[in-house]
Amino acid sequence: MGQGTLALSKYFFSKTTLNHFRQPKQSAFYQLVEGFYPQSAAAYEQRYQECYGFWRPAIATAVQKFLECGDLHQGFARVRCPKCAHEFFVAFSVPGRF
């Protein structure tokens, strides 16, 4: 994590309470995709193309959107209750079918 990102994170996280904060990077599926997707994509032509056909560009797009979905570094909205002034962040989600 870069210095700017770390400073930004500390600033925003110190200013609000994050209840029900989703951490997509902690899920086993996210870690599996992030860890093995580059190897799978590189080996696709040799190992899988004959059986499954050519590599579709939509695959890379869907994987990238999945990895960015729910990440506060990709954008978020700050939500504030008008009655009690409680604040929290909602990470933007990436629309799509995975």
Protein backbone atom coordinates (compact mmCIF):
# COMPACT_ATOMS: atom_id res chain seq x y z
CA MET A 1 0.00 0.00 0.00
CA GLY A 2 1.47 3.34 -1.02
CA GLN A 3 2.02 6.27 1.32
CA GLY A 4 -0.82 8.29 -0.22
CA THR A 5 -3.26 5.40 0.00
CA LEU A 6 -2.28 4.70 3.60
CA ALA A 7 -2.70 8.36 4.58
CA LEU A 8 -6.07 8.53 2.82
CA SER A 9 -7.24 5.35 4.54
CA LYS A 10 -6.16 6.56 7.99
CA TYR A 11 -7.91 9.91 7.42
CA PHE A 12 -11.24 8.44 6.37
CA PHE A 13 -11.24 5.52 8.78
CA SER A 14 -10.48 7.80 11.73
CA LYS A 15 -13.37 10.13 10.85
CA THR A 16 -16.15 7.60 10.95
CA THR A 17 -17.27 4.32 12.42
CA LEU A 18 -17.52 1.47 9.96
CA ASN A 19 -20.32 -0.83 11.02
CA HIS A 20 -20.97 -3.85 8.85
CA PHE A 21 -17.86 -3.06 6.85
CA ARG A 22 -17.44 -5.54 4.04
CA GLN A 23 -13.92 -6.80 3.42
CA PRO A 24 -13.99 -8.56 0.06
CA LYS A 25 -10.22 -9.11 -0.01
CA GLN A 26 -10.49 -11.33 3.07
CA SER A 27 -12.76 -13.90 1.40
CA ALA A 28 -11.29 -17.21 0.31
CA PHE A 29 -12.82 -16.86 -3.17
CA TYR A 30 -11.29 -13.41 -3.71
CA GLN A 31 -7.87 -14.69 -2.66
CA LEU A 32 -8.22 -17.70 -4.94
CA VAL A 33 -9.12 -15.57 -7.97
CA GLU A 34 -6.45 -12.97 -7.24
CA GLY A 35 -3.78 -15.61 -6.70
CA PHE A 36 -4.48 -18.01 -9.55
CA TYR A 37 -6.14 -15.95 -12.29
CA PRO A 38 -2.88 -14.66 -13.86
CA GLN A 39 -1.51 -18.21 -14.13
CA SER A 40 -4.79 -19.56 -15.51
CA ALA A 41 -5.05 -16.79 -18.10
CA ALA A 42 -1.47 -17.36 -19.23
CA ALA A 43 -2.00 -21.11 -19.59
CA TYR A 44 -5.45 -20.96 -21.19
CA GLU A 45 -4.43 -21.24 -24.82
CA GLN A 46 -2.18 -24.23 -24.27
CA ARG A 47 -4.31 -26.13 -21.74
CA TYR A 48 -7.96 -25.25 -22.34
CA GLN A 49 -8.50 -23.69 -25.78
CA GLU A 50 -8.97 -26.97 -27.61
CA CYS A 51 -11.74 -28.04 -25.24
CA TYR A 52 -13.44 -24.69 -24.43
CA GLY A 53 -12.69 -22.49 -27.44
CA PHE A 54 -10.87 -19.19 -27.75
CA TRP A 55 -10.21 -16.84 -24.83
CA ARG A 56 -13.04 -14.33 -24.64
CA PRO A 57 -12.06 -10.76 -23.66
CA ALA A 58 -15.16 -10.61 -21.45
CA ILE A 59 -13.45 -13.06 -19.07
CA ALA A 60 -10.65 -10.63 -18.21
CA THR A 61 -13.15 -7.78 -17.88
CA ALA A 62 -15.37 -9.76 -15.49
CA VAL A 63 -12.40 -10.83 -13.34
CA GLN A 64 -11.10 -7.25 -13.12
CA LYS A 65 -14.54 -5.95 -12.15
CA PHE A 66 -14.85 -8.68 -9.52
CA LEU A 67 -11.50 -7.77 -7.98
CA GLU A 68 -12.44 -4.06 -7.84
CA CYS A 69 -15.98 -4.55 -6.53
CA GLY A 70 -16.52 -3.44 -2.94
CA ASP A 71 -13.00 -2.02 -2.56
CA LEU A 72 -13.05 1.39 -0.83
CA HIS A 73 -9.99 2.41 -2.85
CA GLN A 74 -12.12 2.16 -6.00
CA GLY A 75 -14.66 4.65 -4.65
CA PHE A 76 -17.26 4.95 -1.96
CA ALA A 77 -20.17 7.01 -0.71
CA ARG A 78 -20.24 8.50 2.74
CA VAL A 79 -23.66 7.97 4.30
CA ARG A 80 -24.92 10.02 7.22
CA CYS A 81 -28.08 9.51 9.24
CA PRO A 82 -29.99 12.82 9.40
CA LYS A 83 -31.37 12.01 12.86
CA CYS A 84 -28.35 10.76 14.83
CA ALA A 85 -25.51 11.93 12.54
CA HIS A 86 -23.98 8.42 12.49
CA GLU A 87 -21.68 8.10 9.46
CA PHE A 88 -20.38 5.13 7.53
CA PHE A 89 -18.96 4.28 4.12
CA VAL A 90 -20.57 2.21 1.41
CA ALA A 91 -18.10 0.93 -1.15
CA PHE A 92 -19.22 1.21 -4.75
CA SER A 93 -20.09 -2.09 -6.32
CA VAL A 94 -19.42 -2.91 -9.93
CA PRO A 95 -22.54 -3.88 -11.84
CA GLY A 96 -22.20 -7.05 -13.80
CA ARG A 97 -22.92 -10.73 -13.99
CA PHE A 98 -20.15 -12.92 -12.71
